[in-house]
């Protein structure tokens, strides 16, 4: 199958899209329908990255790093980290400790600027 097999997809955010109130579902039915419609993509794998910070250095400096070396990042302690999905910034969050593993809790969702 190709990218929609040549069929135009409707613009659900466009001016000609029917208002949600006219669809004939109550809010609970509509939520269930949206969840059911999205079920087809639940098994699509995505890459999620949590970036603590970044640093720039020359290759020579990189080669001098060894065990115990400290790499200074461009973030301050307590500053939000960036969360990427498929290399696209989608949220900011904080590092948390869950049992003996590090995790990330999302504190802010980033809206896409298409």
Protein backbone atom coordinates (compact mmCIF):
# COMPACT_ATOMS: atom_id res chain seq x y z
CA UNK A 1 0.00 0.00 0.00
CA UNK A 2 1.27 3.47 -0.80
CA UNK A 3 0.85 6.74 1.03
CA UNK A 4 -3.00 6.66 0.97
CA UNK A 5 -3.08 5.00 -2.50
CA UNK A 6 -3.83 8.26 -4.32
CA UNK A 7 -7.05 8.96 -2.42
CA UNK A 8 -7.31 12.47 -0.98
CA UNK A 9 -7.62 12.56 2.80
CA UNK A 10 -10.18 14.91 4.33
CA UNK A 11 -8.92 17.95 6.22
CA UNK A 12 -10.49 17.37 9.63
CA UNK A 13 -9.35 20.78 10.83
CA UNK A 14 -10.60 22.67 7.78
CA UNK A 15 -13.55 25.01 7.51
CA UNK A 16 -15.65 22.35 5.71
CA UNK A 17 -15.24 19.80 8.54
CA UNK A 18 -18.49 19.13 10.38
CA UNK A 19 -18.63 20.47 13.93
CA UNK A 20 -18.32 17.75 16.56
CA UNK A 21 -21.76 18.52 17.99
CA UNK A 22 -23.37 17.62 14.63
CA UNK A 23 -21.83 14.14 14.54
CA UNK A 24 -24.54 12.71 16.79
CA UNK A 25 -22.37 11.14 19.51
CA UNK A 26 -22.23 12.10 23.12
CA UNK A 27 -18.79 12.87 24.53
CA UNK A 28 -18.24 9.38 25.98
CA UNK A 29 -19.20 7.64 22.71
CA UNK A 30 -16.99 10.01 20.76
CA UNK A 31 -14.00 9.31 23.05
CA UNK A 32 -14.53 5.56 22.60
CA UNK A 33 -14.78 5.98 18.83
CA UNK A 34 -11.55 8.02 18.67
CA UNK A 35 -9.74 5.39 20.77
CA UNK A 36 -11.06 2.63 18.49
CA UNK A 37 -10.00 4.58 15.37
CA UNK A 38 -6.47 4.96 16.78
CA UNK A 39 -6.19 1.26 17.65
CA UNK A 40 -4.73 0.58 14.20
CA UNK A 41 -1.57 2.54 15.09
CA UNK A 42 -1.07 1.18 18.63
CA UNK A 43 1.54 -1.35 17.41
CA UNK A 44 3.54 1.11 15.26
CA UNK A 45 7.05 1.34 16.74
CA UNK A 46 8.46 4.79 17.50
CA UNK A 47 11.81 5.96 18.85
CA UNK A 48 11.55 7.95 22.08
CA UNK A 49 14.58 9.94 23.33
CA UNK A 50 14.96 11.96 26.51
CA UNK A 51 17.78 14.49 26.10
CA UNK A 52 19.41 15.63 29.34
CA UNK A 53 21.60 18.15 27.55
CA UNK A 54 24.10 18.65 24.76
CA UNK A 55 27.77 19.50 24.47
CA UNK A 56 30.05 20.42 21.56
CA UNK A 57 33.70 19.43 21.40
CA UNK A 58 36.46 18.66 18.96
CA UNK A 59 37.30 15.04 18.15
CA UNK A 60 40.64 15.48 19.95
CA UNK A 61 38.84 16.45 23.16
CA UNK A 62 36.44 13.53 22.76
CA UNK A 63 39.31 11.07 22.42
CA UNK A 64 40.84 12.36 25.67
CA UNK A 65 37.72 11.42 27.66
CA UNK A 66 38.06 8.38 29.87
CA UNK A 67 36.34 6.69 32.80
CA UNK A 68 35.36 9.25 35.42
CA UNK A 69 35.55 12.20 33.00
CA UNK A 70 32.89 14.85 33.52
CA UNK A 71 31.16 16.15 30.41
CA UNK A 72 29.59 19.58 30.90
CA UNK A 73 26.13 19.88 29.33
CA UNK A 74 24.19 22.96 28.25
CA UNK A 75 21.51 22.51 30.95
CA UNK A 76 21.32 23.51 34.58
CA UNK A 77 20.38 21.16 37.41
CA UNK A 78 16.59 21.03 37.69
CA UNK A 79 16.02 22.40 34.19
CA UNK A 80 13.45 20.52 32.08
CA UNK A 81 14.73 17.89 29.67
CA UNK A 82 13.56 17.53 26.06
CA UNK A 83 11.52 14.49 24.99
CA UNK A 84 11.66 13.55 21.32
CA UNK A 85 9.55 11.04 19.39
CA UNK A 86 11.10 10.06 16.05
CA UNK A 87 13.49 13.03 16.32
CA UNK A 88 10.64 15.53 16.80
CA UNK A 89 10.38 17.52 20.04
CA UNK A 90 7.02 16.62 21.58
CA UNK A 91 7.35 17.37 25.29
CA UNK A 92 9.50 18.55 28.18
CA UNK A 93 9.84 16.71 31.44
CA UNK A 94 11.75 15.85 34.57
CA UNK A 95 13.95 12.89 35.43
CA UNK A 96 12.46 10.62 38.09
CA UNK A 97 13.68 7.51 39.90
CA UNK A 98 11.34 4.51 39.70
CA UNK A 99 12.62 1.70 41.93
CA UNK A 100 16.20 1.34 40.66
CA UNK A 101 15.67 2.80 37.16
CA UNK A 102 15.62 6.31 35.76
CA UNK A 103 12.45 7.50 34.10
CA UNK A 104 10.94 10.69 32.72
CA UNK A 105 7.70 12.36 33.67
CA UNK A 106 6.20 14.75 31.11
CA UNK A 107 5.48 18.22 32.47
CA UNK A 108 4.70 20.08 29.24
CA UNK A 109 3.41 18.96 25.83
CA UNK A 110 4.87 20.90 22.88
CA UNK A 111 2.38 21.80 20.16
CA UNK A 112 3.58 21.19 16.60
CA UNK A 113 4.13 24.29 14.46
CA UNK A 114 3.24 22.87 11.03
